[in-house]
Structure formats: C-alpha cells, structure tokens
C-alpha cells in the first residue's frame, strides 16, 4: 500500500512543486524542495485530502514534517 500511496503523492508533489519526476523518499522534507513553502504546503494538504477523500486535523498537519509522516497519516485515514 505504501508504494501506491507514494506513487499518488509523487504525482501531486511534481505538479504542486513543479518538479520533473523527482524521486520522493520517506525522508524528503521541505528543506529538500526549495518551492515547498507555507502556501504550497497548504496546496499540498488540500490536494491530498481531495485525492484520497480524507481530512486532516490541525495537529496532524503541523506534525507532518516529511513524506514518511504524510504517508503514515494517509494510511490512518484510508
């Protein structure tokens, strides 16, 4: 399941952050992607919520520091 989730969020990351087939890892964080600022973080969360038909609460959003955290929280919701 992690691989399917990673594939879906990779597409989202590539679109939001204007990346060219960037390889995401669990450790990938905002410091690794220059365009990952607060505005794009909000876009990322909203797009993921819509794609997976889930909703994150404020605490979950704040606690997500990297792709691994994001996948973990998606798995809890689906």
PDB file of N, CA and C in Angstrom:
ATOM      1  N   UNK A   1       0.817  -1.194   0.000  1.00  0.00           N
ATOM      2  CA  UNK A   1       0.000   0.000   0.000  1.00  0.00           C
ATOM      3  C   UNK A   1       0.863   1.261   0.000  1.00  0.00           C
ATOM      4  N   UNK A   2       1.978   1.242   0.734  1.00  0.00           N
ATOM      5  CA  UNK A   2       2.840   2.421   0.770  1.00  0.00           C
ATOM      6  C   UNK A   2       3.282   2.834  -0.626  1.00  0.00           C
ATOM      7  N   UNK A   3       3.575   1.843  -1.465  1.00  0.00           N
ATOM      8  CA  UNK A   3       4.049   2.144  -2.814  1.00  0.00           C
ATOM      9  C   UNK A   3       2.960   2.844  -3.632  1.00  0.00           C
ATOM     10  N   UNK A   4       1.707   2.390  -3.507  1.00  0.00           N
ATOM     11  CA  UNK A   4       0.604   3.023  -4.237  1.00  0.00           C
ATOM     12  C   UNK A   4       0.396   4.453  -3.749  1.00  0.00           C
ATOM     13  N   UNK A   5       0.461   4.635  -2.435  1.00  0.00           N
ATOM     14  CA  UNK A   5       0.309   5.978  -1.874  1.00  0.00           C
ATOM     15  C   UNK A   5       1.453   6.861  -2.356  1.00  0.00           C
ATOM     16  N   UNK A   6       2.673   6.342  -2.321  1.00  0.00           N
ATOM     17  CA  UNK A   6       3.840   7.107  -2.755  1.00  0.00           C
ATOM     18  C   UNK A   6       3.718   7.515  -4.220  1.00  0.00           C
ATOM     19  N   UNK A   7       3.224   6.613  -5.060  1.00  0.00           N
ATOM     20  CA  UNK A   7       3.030   6.945  -6.475  1.00  0.00           C
ATOM     21  C   UNK A   7       2.041   8.093  -6.638  1.00  0.00           C
ATOM     22  N   UNK A   8       0.935   8.036  -5.896  1.00  0.00           N
ATOM     23  CA  UNK A   8      -0.077   9.092  -5.996  1.00  0.00           C
ATOM     24  C   UNK A   8       0.450  10.422  -5.485  1.00  0.00           C
ATOM     25  N   UNK A   9       1.136  10.397  -4.344  1.00  0.00           N
ATOM     26  CA  UNK A   9       1.609  11.683  -3.825  1.00  0.00           C
ATOM     27  C   UNK A   9       2.798  12.210  -4.626  1.00  0.00           C
ATOM     28  N   UNK A  10       3.558  11.328  -5.270  1.00  0.00           N
ATOM     29  CA  UNK A  10       4.649  11.785  -6.140  1.00  0.00           C
ATOM     30  C   UNK A  10       4.104  12.638  -7.274  1.00  0.00           C
ATOM     31  N   UNK A  11       3.011  12.201  -7.854  1.00  0.00           N
ATOM     32  CA  UNK A  11       2.370  12.971  -8.923  1.00  0.00           C
ATOM     33  C   UNK A  11       1.915  14.333  -8.397  1.00  0.00           C
ATOM     34  N   UNK A  12       1.333  14.338  -7.210  1.00  0.00           N
ATOM     35  CA  UNK A  12       0.876  15.590  -6.599  1.00  0.00           C
ATOM     36  C   UNK A  12       2.068  16.511  -6.333  1.00  0.00           C
ATOM     37  N   UNK A  13       3.140  15.966  -5.762  1.00  0.00           N
ATOM     38  CA  UNK A  13       4.345  16.761  -5.498  1.00  0.00           C
ATOM     39  C   UNK A  13       4.899  17.350  -6.788  1.00  0.00           C
ATOM     40  N   UNK A  14       4.997  16.524  -7.828  1.00  0.00           N
ATOM     41  CA  UNK A  14       5.538  17.006  -9.099  1.00  0.00           C
ATOM     42  C   UNK A  14       4.711  18.158  -9.650  1.00  0.00           C
ATOM     43  N   UNK A  15       3.394  18.093  -9.504  1.00  0.00           N
ATOM     44  CA  UNK A  15       2.521  19.159 -10.001  1.00  0.00           C
ATOM     45  C   UNK A  15       2.613  20.424  -9.152  1.00  0.00           C
ATOM     46  N   UNK A  16       2.505  20.295  -7.860  1.00  0.00           N
ATOM     47  CA  UNK A  16       2.481  21.474  -6.982  1.00  0.00           C
ATOM     48  C   UNK A  16       3.835  22.170  -6.929  1.00  0.00           C
ATOM     49  N   UNK A  17       4.896  21.397  -6.857  1.00  0.00           N
ATOM     50  CA  UNK A  17       6.225  21.977  -6.689  1.00  0.00           C
ATOM     51  C   UNK A  17       6.996  22.104  -8.003  1.00  0.00           C
ATOM     52  N   UNK A  18       6.319  21.867  -9.120  1.00  0.00           N
ATOM     53  CA  UNK A  18       6.933  21.978 -10.450  1.00  0.00           C
ATOM     54  C   UNK A  18       8.227  21.172 -10.556  1.00  0.00           C
ATOM     55  N   UNK A  19       8.155  19.938 -10.127  1.00  0.00           N
ATOM     56  CA  UNK A  19       9.310  19.051 -10.176  1.00  0.00           C
ATOM     57  C   UNK A  19       9.244  18.202 -11.435  1.00  0.00           C
ATOM     58  N   UNK A  20      10.377  17.767 -11.886  1.00  0.00           N
ATOM     59  CA  UNK A  20      10.453  16.889 -13.053  1.00  0.00           C
ATOM     60  C   UNK A  20      10.788  15.480 -12.587  1.00  0.00           C
ATOM     61  N   UNK A  21       9.747  14.690 -12.335  1.00  0.00           N
ATOM     62  CA  UNK A  21       9.917  13.293 -11.916  1.00  0.00           C
ATOM     63  C   UNK A  21      10.877  13.140 -10.742  1.00  0.00           C
ATOM     64  N   UNK A  22      10.711  13.986  -9.754  1.00  0.00           N
ATOM     65  CA  UNK A  22      11.522  13.935  -8.535  1.00  0.00           C
ATOM     66  C   UNK A  22      11.216  12.641  -7.782  1.00  0.00           C
ATOM     67  N   UNK A  23      12.240  11.950  -7.343  1.00  0.00           N
ATOM     68  CA  UNK A  23      12.065  10.711  -6.580  1.00  0.00           C
ATOM     69  C   UNK A  23      11.876  11.051  -5.105  1.00  0.00           C
ATOM     70  N   UNK A  24      10.679  10.820  -4.611  1.00  0.00           N
ATOM     71  CA  UNK A  24      10.400  11.069  -3.202  1.00  0.00           C
ATOM     72  C   UNK A  24      10.874   9.897  -2.362  1.00  0.00           C
ATOM     73  N   UNK A  25      11.357  10.225  -1.164  1.00  0.00           N
ATOM     74  CA  UNK A  25      11.723   9.220  -0.168  1.00  0.00           C
ATOM     75  C   UNK A  25      10.965   9.565   1.107  1.00  0.00           C
ATOM     76  N   UNK A  26      10.885   8.632   2.026  1.00  0.00           N
ATOM     77  CA  UNK A  26      10.219   8.912   3.301  1.00  0.00           C
ATOM     78  C   UNK A  26      10.840  10.109   4.007  1.00  0.00           C
ATOM     79  N   UNK A  27      12.126  10.316   3.806  1.00  0.00           N
ATOM     80  CA  UNK A  27      12.829  11.405   4.492  1.00  0.00           C
ATOM     81  C   UNK A  27      12.720  12.753   3.778  1.00  0.00           C
ATOM     82  N   UNK A  28      12.138  12.779   2.574  1.00  0.00           N
ATOM     83  CA  UNK A  28      12.018  14.042   1.835  1.00  0.00           C
ATOM     84  C   UNK A  28      11.192  15.035   2.643  1.00  0.00           C
ATOM     85  N   UNK A  29      11.748  16.241   2.810  1.00  0.00           N
ATOM     86  CA  UNK A  29      11.062  17.279   3.587  1.00  0.00           C
ATOM     87  C   UNK A  29      11.169  18.618   2.859  1.00  0.00           C
ATOM     88  N   UNK A  30      10.620  19.646   3.464  1.00  0.00           N
ATOM     89  CA  UNK A  30      10.613  20.978   2.856  1.00  0.00           C
ATOM     90  C   UNK A  30      12.028  21.473   2.570  1.00  0.00           C
ATOM     91  N   UNK A  31      12.990  21.080   3.368  1.00  0.00           N
ATOM     92  CA  UNK A  31      14.362  21.540   3.130  1.00  0.00           C
ATOM     93  C   UNK A  31      14.958  20.948   1.852  1.00  0.00           C
ATOM     94  N   UNK A  32      14.377  19.866   1.350  1.00  0.00           N
ATOM     95  CA  UNK A  32      14.867  19.219   0.132  1.00  0.00           C
ATOM     96  C   UNK A  32      14.237  19.784  -1.138  1.00  0.00           C
ATOM     97  N   UNK A  33      13.133  20.513  -0.993  1.00  0.00           N
ATOM     98  CA  UNK A  33      12.396  21.040  -2.146  1.00  0.00           C
ATOM     99  C   UNK A  33      12.244  22.550  -1.952  1.00  0.00           C
ATOM    100  N   UNK A  34      13.042  23.347  -2.675  1.00  0.00           N
ATOM    101  CA  UNK A  34      13.045  24.797  -2.468  1.00  0.00           C
ATOM    102  C   UNK A  34      11.670  25.467  -2.565  1.00  0.00           C
ATOM    103  N   UNK A  35      10.800  24.962  -3.410  1.00  0.00           N
ATOM    104  CA  UNK A  35       9.488  25.604  -3.587  1.00  0.00           C
ATOM    105  C   UNK A  35       8.453  25.149  -2.550  1.00  0.00           C
ATOM    106  N   UNK A  36       8.858  24.312  -1.594  1.00  0.00           N
ATOM    107  CA  UNK A  36       7.949  23.836  -0.549  1.00  0.00           C
ATOM    108  C   UNK A  36       7.897  24.884   0.559  1.00  0.00           C
ATOM    109  N   UNK A  37       7.071  25.893   0.336  1.00  0.00           N
ATOM    110  CA  UNK A  37       6.872  26.946   1.323  1.00  0.00           C
ATOM    111  C   UNK A  37       5.508  26.756   1.982  1.00  0.00           C
ATOM    112  N   UNK A  38       5.116  27.687   2.840  1.00  0.00           N
ATOM    113  CA  UNK A  38       3.864  27.517   3.588  1.00  0.00           C
ATOM    114  C   UNK A  38       2.640  27.511   2.678  1.00  0.00           C
ATOM    115  N   UNK A  39       2.637  28.342   1.651  1.00  0.00           N
ATOM    116  CA  UNK A  39       1.498  28.373   0.731  1.00  0.00           C
ATOM    117  C   UNK A  39       1.388  27.057  -0.038  1.00  0.00           C
ATOM    118  N   UNK A  40       2.501  26.578  -0.558  1.00  0.00           N
ATOM    119  CA  UNK A  40       2.471  25.307  -1.285  1.00  0.00           C
ATOM    120  C   UNK A  40       2.191  24.130  -0.351  1.00  0.00           C
ATOM    121  N   UNK A  41       2.542  24.256   0.920  1.00  0.00           N
ATOM    122  CA  UNK A  41       2.213  23.196   1.884  1.00  0.00           C
ATOM    123  C   UNK A  41       0.694  23.090   2.034  1.00  0.00           C
ATOM    124  N   UNK A  42       0.025  24.239   2.098  1.00  0.00           N
ATOM    125  CA  UNK A  42      -1.443  24.243   2.185  1.00  0.00           C
ATOM    126  C   UNK A  42      -2.044  23.619   0.928  1.00  0.00           C
ATOM    127  N   UNK A  43      -1.517  23.992  -0.241  1.00  0.00           N
ATOM    128  CA  UNK A  43      -1.998  23.403  -1.501  1.00  0.00           C
ATOM    129  C   UNK A  43      -1.790  21.893  -1.502  1.00  0.00           C
ATOM    130  N   UNK A  44      -0.638  21.466  -1.014  1.00  0.00           N
ATOM    131  CA  UNK A  44      -0.316  20.040  -0.949  1.00  0.00           C
ATOM    132  C   UNK A  44      -1.328  19.291  -0.087  1.00  0.00           C
ATOM    133  N   UNK A  45      -1.588  19.803   1.098  1.00  0.00           N
ATOM    134  CA  UNK A  45      -2.514  19.144   2.021  1.00  0.00           C
ATOM    135  C   UNK A  45      -3.920  19.083   1.427  1.00  0.00           C
ATOM    136  N   UNK A  46      -4.387  20.187   0.871  1.00  0.00           N
ATOM    137  CA  UNK A  46      -5.735  20.220   0.286  1.00  0.00           C
ATOM    138  C   UNK A  46      -5.842  19.246  -0.880  1.00  0.00           C
ATOM    139  N   UNK A  47      -4.831  19.219  -1.730  1.00  0.00           N
ATOM    140  CA  UNK A  47      -4.850  18.320  -2.888  1.00  0.00           C
ATOM    141  C   UNK A  47      -4.847  16.863  -2.438  1.00  0.00           C
ATOM    142  N   UNK A  48      -4.043  16.540  -1.443  1.00  0.00           N
ATOM    143  CA  UNK A  48      -4.005  15.167  -0.925  1.00  0.00           C
ATOM    144  C   UNK A  48      -5.339  14.797  -0.284  1.00  0.00           C
ATOM    145  N   UNK A  49      -5.910  15.705   0.485  1.00  0.00           N
ATOM    146  CA  UNK A  49      -7.219  15.435   1.089  1.00  0.00           C
ATOM    147  C   UNK A  49      -8.264  15.152   0.013  1.00  0.00           C
ATOM    148  N   UNK A  50      -8.253  15.926  -1.051  1.00  0.00           N
ATOM    149  CA  UNK A  50      -9.220  15.720  -2.137  1.00  0.00           C
ATOM    150  C   UNK A  50      -8.957  14.418  -2.889  1.00  0.00           C
ATOM    151  N   UNK A  51      -7.704  14.132  -3.176  1.00  0.00           N
ATOM    152  CA  UNK A  51      -7.340  12.931  -3.941  1.00  0.00           C
ATOM    153  C   UNK A  51      -7.713  11.646  -3.187  1.00  0.00           C
ATOM    154  N   UNK A  52      -7.451  11.633  -1.887  1.00  0.00           N
ATOM    155  CA  UNK A  52      -7.696  10.435  -1.086  1.00  0.00           C
ATOM    156  C   UNK A  52      -9.047  10.463  -0.367  1.00  0.00           C
ATOM    157  N   UNK A  53      -9.778  11.573  -0.524  1.00  0.00           N
ATOM    158  CA  UNK A  53     -11.087  11.742   0.124  1.00  0.00           C
ATOM    159  C   UNK A  53     -10.970  11.559   1.641  1.00  0.00           C
ATOM    160  N   UNK A  54     -10.006  12.288   2.208  1.00  0.00           N
ATOM    161  CA  UNK A  54      -9.759  12.266   3.647  1.00  0.00           C
ATOM    162  C   UNK A  54      -9.679  13.703   4.152  1.00  0.00           C
ATOM    163  N   UNK A  55      -9.591  13.851   5.463  1.00  0.00           N
ATOM    164  CA  UNK A  55      -9.460  15.175   6.074  1.00  0.00           C
ATOM    165  C   UNK A  55      -8.468  15.072   7.228  1.00  0.00           C
ATOM    166  N   UNK A  56      -7.465  15.945   7.235  1.00  0.00           N
ATOM    167  CA  UNK A  56      -6.506  16.004   8.328  1.00  0.00           C
ATOM    168  C   UNK A  56      -6.945  17.059   9.328  1.00  0.00           C
ATOM    169  N   UNK A  57      -6.683  16.806  10.609  1.00  0.00           N
ATOM    170  CA  UNK A  57      -6.947  17.852  11.595  1.00  0.00           C
ATOM    171  C   UNK A  57      -5.697  18.732  11.721  1.00  0.00           C
ATOM    172  N   UNK A  58      -5.828  19.844  12.406  1.00  0.00           N
ATOM    173  CA  UNK A  58      -4.737  20.823  12.500  1.00  0.00           C
ATOM    174  C   UNK A  58      -3.476  20.219  13.123  1.00  0.00           C
ATOM    175  N   UNK A  59      -3.633  19.401  14.156  1.00  0.00           N
ATOM    176  CA  UNK A  59      -2.473  18.785  14.802  1.00  0.00           C
ATOM    177  C   UNK A  59      -1.713  17.877  13.838  1.00  0.00           C
ATOM    178  N   UNK A  60      -2.432  17.097  13.058  1.00  0.00           N
ATOM    179  CA  UNK A  60      -1.787  16.203  12.085  1.00  0.00           C
ATOM    180  C   UNK A  60      -1.006  17.008  11.053  1.00  0.00           C
ATOM    181  N   UNK A  61      -1.587  18.094  10.585  1.00  0.00           N
ATOM    182  CA  UNK A  61      -0.927  18.919   9.567  1.00  0.00           C
ATOM    183  C   UNK A  61       0.380  19.488  10.110  1.00  0.00           C
ATOM    184  N   UNK A  62       0.350  19.990  11.328  1.00  0.00           N
ATOM    185  CA  UNK A  62       1.542  20.578  11.941  1.00  0.00           C
ATOM    186  C   UNK A  62       2.620  19.524  12.183  1.00  0.00           C
ATOM    187  N   UNK A  63       2.216  18.320  12.549  1.00  0.00           N
ATOM    188  CA  UNK A  63       3.168  17.255  12.870  1.00  0.00           C
ATOM    189  C   UNK A  63       3.823  16.630  11.643  1.00  0.00           C
ATOM    190  N   UNK A  64       3.250  16.807  10.458  1.00  0.00           N
ATOM    191  CA  UNK A  64       3.809  16.192   9.250  1.00  0.00           C
ATOM    192  C   UNK A  64       5.025  16.986   8.785  1.00  0.00           C
ATOM    193  N   UNK A  65       6.200  16.405   8.988  1.00  0.00           N
ATOM    194  CA  UNK A  65       7.456  17.080   8.668  1.00  0.00           C
ATOM    195  C   UNK A  65       8.141  16.538   7.417  1.00  0.00           C
ATOM    196  N   UNK A  66       7.703  15.349   6.953  1.00  0.00           N
ATOM    197  CA  UNK A  66       8.332  14.756   5.772  1.00  0.00           C
ATOM    198  C   UNK A  66       7.344  13.815   5.079  1.00  0.00           C
ATOM    199  N   UNK A  67       7.765  13.246   3.980  1.00  0.00           N
ATOM    200  CA  UNK A  67       6.899  12.373   3.186  1.00  0.00           C
ATOM    201  C   UNK A  67       6.479  11.141   3.984  1.00  0.00           C
ATOM    202  N   UNK A  68       7.376  10.597   4.793  1.00  0.00           N
ATOM    203  CA  UNK A  68       7.035   9.436   5.617  1.00  0.00           C
ATOM    204  C   UNK A  68       5.896   9.734   6.580  1.00  0.00           C
ATOM    205  N   UNK A  69       5.939  10.917   7.205  1.00  0.00           N
ATOM    206  CA  UNK A  69       4.851  11.326   8.103  1.00  0.00           C
ATOM    207  C   UNK A  69       3.545  11.462   7.330  1.00  0.00           C
ATOM    208  N   UNK A  70       3.637  12.005   6.146  1.00  0.00           N
ATOM    209  CA  UNK A  70       2.459  12.195   5.301  1.00  0.00           C
ATOM    210  C   UNK A  70       1.827  10.848   4.948  1.00  0.00           C
ATOM    211  N   UNK A  71       2.650   9.897   4.524  1.00  0.00           N
ATOM    212  CA  UNK A  71       2.152   8.559   4.177  1.00  0.00           C
ATOM    213  C   UNK A  71       1.515   7.891   5.396  1.00  0.00           C
ATOM    214  N   UNK A  72       2.173   7.997   6.550  1.00  0.00           N
ATOM    215  CA  UNK A  72       1.649   7.404   7.785  1.00  0.00           C
ATOM    216  C   UNK A  72       0.255   7.953   8.098  1.00  0.00           C
ATOM    217  N   UNK A  73       0.081   9.261   7.956  1.00  0.00           N
ATOM    218  CA  UNK A  73      -1.212   9.876   8.249  1.00  0.00           C
ATOM    219  C   UNK A  73      -2.263   9.534   7.199  1.00  0.00           C
ATOM    220  N   UNK A  74      -1.868   9.404   5.954  1.00  0.00           N
ATOM    221  CA  UNK A  74      -2.809   8.984   4.908  1.00  0.00           C
ATOM    222  C   UNK A  74      -3.293   7.566   5.211  1.00  0.00           C
ATOM    223  N   UNK A  75      -2.362   6.666   5.562  1.00  0.00           N
ATOM    224  CA  UNK A  75      -2.723   5.272   5.851  1.00  0.00           C
ATOM    225  C   UNK A  75      -3.712   5.166   7.006  1.00  0.00           C
ATOM    226  N   UNK A  76      -3.593   6.046   7.993  1.00  0.00           N
ATOM    227  CA  UNK A  76      -4.525   6.036   9.124  1.00  0.00           C
ATOM    228  C   UNK A  76      -5.943   6.375   8.688  1.00  0.00           C
ATOM    229  N   UNK A  77      -6.060   7.162   7.613  1.00  0.00           N
ATOM    230  CA  UNK A  77      -7.361   7.696   7.207  1.00  0.00           C
ATOM    231  C   UNK A  77      -8.081   6.844   6.165  1.00  0.00           C
ATOM    232  N   UNK A  78      -7.322   6.023   5.427  1.00  0.00           N
ATOM    233  CA  UNK A  78      -7.976   5.257   4.351  1.00  0.00           C
ATOM    234  C   UNK A  78      -8.202   3.806   4.764  1.00  0.00           C
TER     235      UNK A  78
END
